[in-house]
Protein backbone atom coordinates (compact mmCIF):
# COMPACT_ATOMS: atom_id res chain seq x y z
CA MET A 1 0.00 0.00 0.00
CA SER A 2 1.46 3.35 -1.01
CA HIS A 3 1.79 6.07 1.58
CA LYS A 4 -0.18 9.27 1.20
CA GLU A 5 0.21 12.40 3.24
CA PHE A 6 -2.81 12.93 5.49
CA TYR A 7 -3.87 16.04 3.55
CA GLU A 8 -4.03 13.95 0.36
CA LEU A 9 -6.62 11.56 1.82
CA SER A 10 -10.18 12.20 0.65
CA ILE A 11 -11.49 11.53 4.17
CA TRP A 12 -9.25 14.27 5.56
CA LYS A 13 -10.24 16.68 2.78
CA ASN A 14 -13.93 15.99 3.33
CA GLY A 15 -13.56 16.33 7.08
CA TYR A 16 -11.71 19.62 6.61
CA THR A 17 -14.48 21.00 4.39
CA LEU A 18 -17.02 19.99 7.03
CA LEU A 19 -14.96 21.63 9.76
CA MET A 20 -14.97 24.90 7.82
CA SER A 21 -18.77 24.62 7.55
CA VAL A 22 -19.00 24.07 11.31
CA TYR A 23 -16.91 27.20 11.91
CA ASP A 24 -19.30 29.12 9.65
CA CYS A 25 -22.30 27.79 11.59
CA ILE A 26 -21.08 28.80 15.02
CA GLU A 27 -20.63 32.41 13.97
CA VAL A 28 -24.35 32.92 14.54
CA PHE A 29 -24.51 31.11 17.88
CA PRO A 30 -25.38 33.37 20.81
CA TYR A 31 -22.46 34.74 22.79
CA LYS A 32 -23.40 32.64 25.83
CA GLU A 33 -22.61 29.51 23.79
CA ARG A 34 -19.14 30.69 22.77
CA PHE A 35 -17.42 28.65 25.50
CA ALA A 36 -20.02 25.91 25.70
CA LEU A 37 -21.73 24.24 22.73
CA ALA A 38 -19.80 26.18 20.07
CA ASP A 39 -16.50 25.21 21.68
CA GLN A 40 -17.47 21.54 22.00
CA LEU A 41 -18.72 21.44 18.42
CA CYS A 42 -15.49 22.91 17.06
CA ARG A 43 -13.35 20.64 19.19
CA SER A 44 -15.08 17.45 18.09
CA ALA A 45 -15.17 18.49 14.41
CA ASN A 46 -11.49 19.43 14.54
CA SER A 47 -10.63 16.19 16.32
CA ILE A 48 -12.01 14.22 13.37
CA ILE A 49 -9.36 15.47 10.99
CA ALA A 50 -6.68 15.66 13.67
CA ASN A 51 -7.07 11.94 14.36
CA ILE A 52 -7.04 11.13 10.65
CA ALA A 53 -3.78 13.08 10.40
CA GLU A 54 -2.38 11.39 13.51
CA SER A 55 -3.21 7.95 12.14
CA SER A 56 -1.11 8.61 9.05
CA GLY A 57 1.90 9.14 11.29
CA ARG A 58 1.48 5.86 13.13
CA TYR A 59 3.78 3.00 12.22
CA SER A 60 1.64 -0.13 12.49
CA TYR A 61 -1.61 -0.66 10.68
CA ALA A 62 -3.24 -1.76 13.94
CA ASP A 63 -2.28 1.54 15.57
CA LYS A 64 -3.50 3.51 12.56
CA VAL A 65 -6.87 1.77 12.80
CA ARG A 66 -7.08 2.36 16.55
CA VAL A 67 -6.69 6.11 16.06
CA LEU A 68 -9.21 6.09 13.19
CA TYR A 69 -11.76 4.51 15.55
CA ILE A 70 -11.36 7.60 17.72
CA SER A 71 -12.03 9.77 14.68
CA ARG A 72 -15.18 7.75 14.00
CA GLY A 73 -16.38 8.42 17.54
CA GLU A 74 -15.72 12.13 17.07
CA ILE A 75 -18.03 12.12 14.05
CA SER A 76 -20.84 10.81 16.25
CA GLU A 77 -20.05 13.42 18.90
CA THR A 78 -20.11 16.18 16.30
CA ARG A 79 -23.47 14.99 14.99
CA SER A 80 -24.79 15.01 18.55
CA HIS A 81 -23.64 18.61 19.06
CA LEU A 82 -25.30 19.57 15.77
CA SER A 83 -28.53 17.97 17.01
CA VAL A 84 -28.39 20.13 20.14
CA ALA A 85 -27.71 23.22 18.02
CA LEU A 86 -30.78 22.36 15.96
CA GLY A 87 -32.87 21.82 19.08
CA ARG A 88 -31.79 25.22 20.42
CA LYS A 89 -32.57 26.75 17.01
CA TYR A 90 -29.00 27.95 16.53
CA ILE A 91 -28.96 26.28 13.10
CA SER A 92 -31.75 25.67 10.61
CA LYS A 93 -33.19 22.26 9.77
CA GLU A 94 -31.70 22.62 6.30
CA THR A 95 -28.21 23.30 7.66
CA PHE A 96 -28.52 20.42 10.10
CA SER A 97 -29.72 18.00 7.42
CA LYS A 98 -26.96 19.00 5.03
CA LEU A 99 -24.18 18.67 7.61
CA ASN A 100 -25.62 15.52 9.16
CA ASP A 101 -25.90 13.83 5.76
CA VAL A 102 -22.33 14.71 4.84
CA TYR A 103 -21.06 13.48 8.22
CA LYS A 104 -22.95 10.21 7.65
CA GLN A 105 -21.20 9.91 4.29
CA LEU A 106 -17.85 10.67 5.92
CA ILE A 107 -18.34 7.87 8.43
CA LYS A 108 -19.00 5.46 5.55
CA GLU A 109 -15.80 6.60 3.84
CA LEU A 110 -13.88 6.28 7.09
CA ASN A 111 -15.24 2.77 7.62
CA LEU A 112 -14.04 1.79 4.14
CA TYR A 113 -10.59 3.18 4.91
CA ILE A 114 -10.51 1.32 8.24
CA ASN A 115 -11.52 -1.91 6.49
CA THR A 116 -8.79 -1.43 3.90
CA LEU A 117 -6.11 -0.81 6.51
CA SER A 118 -7.36 -3.74 8.61
CA LYS A 119 -6.42 -6.11 5.78
CA TYR A 120 -2.76 -5.21 6.36
CA LYS A 121 -2.72 -5.81 10.13
């Protein structure tokens, strides 16, 4: 398997694009959420791509996969935070649906990548 830099991986690129969308969303959150929900949402969304990047620096395939599992959990956490933002009416249903659908697609892509790497363990 040839080595790619983390920023060349489609899952990292897609996660990065989603992170930028999350940053755009939180700009309209009320000030009181700046250090609460907005912070948690940004942290979990950023952690997705950070863990993808970290996994590319790991030596063994098993360790790469372990770190990617963490990234997969961060996707679920981010979707949960987006659900709360929707419930609080900080984002529209349309924005939530769009982001949620793309995060669901990202988790499928991540699962495929995990399955591919798992063959080399």
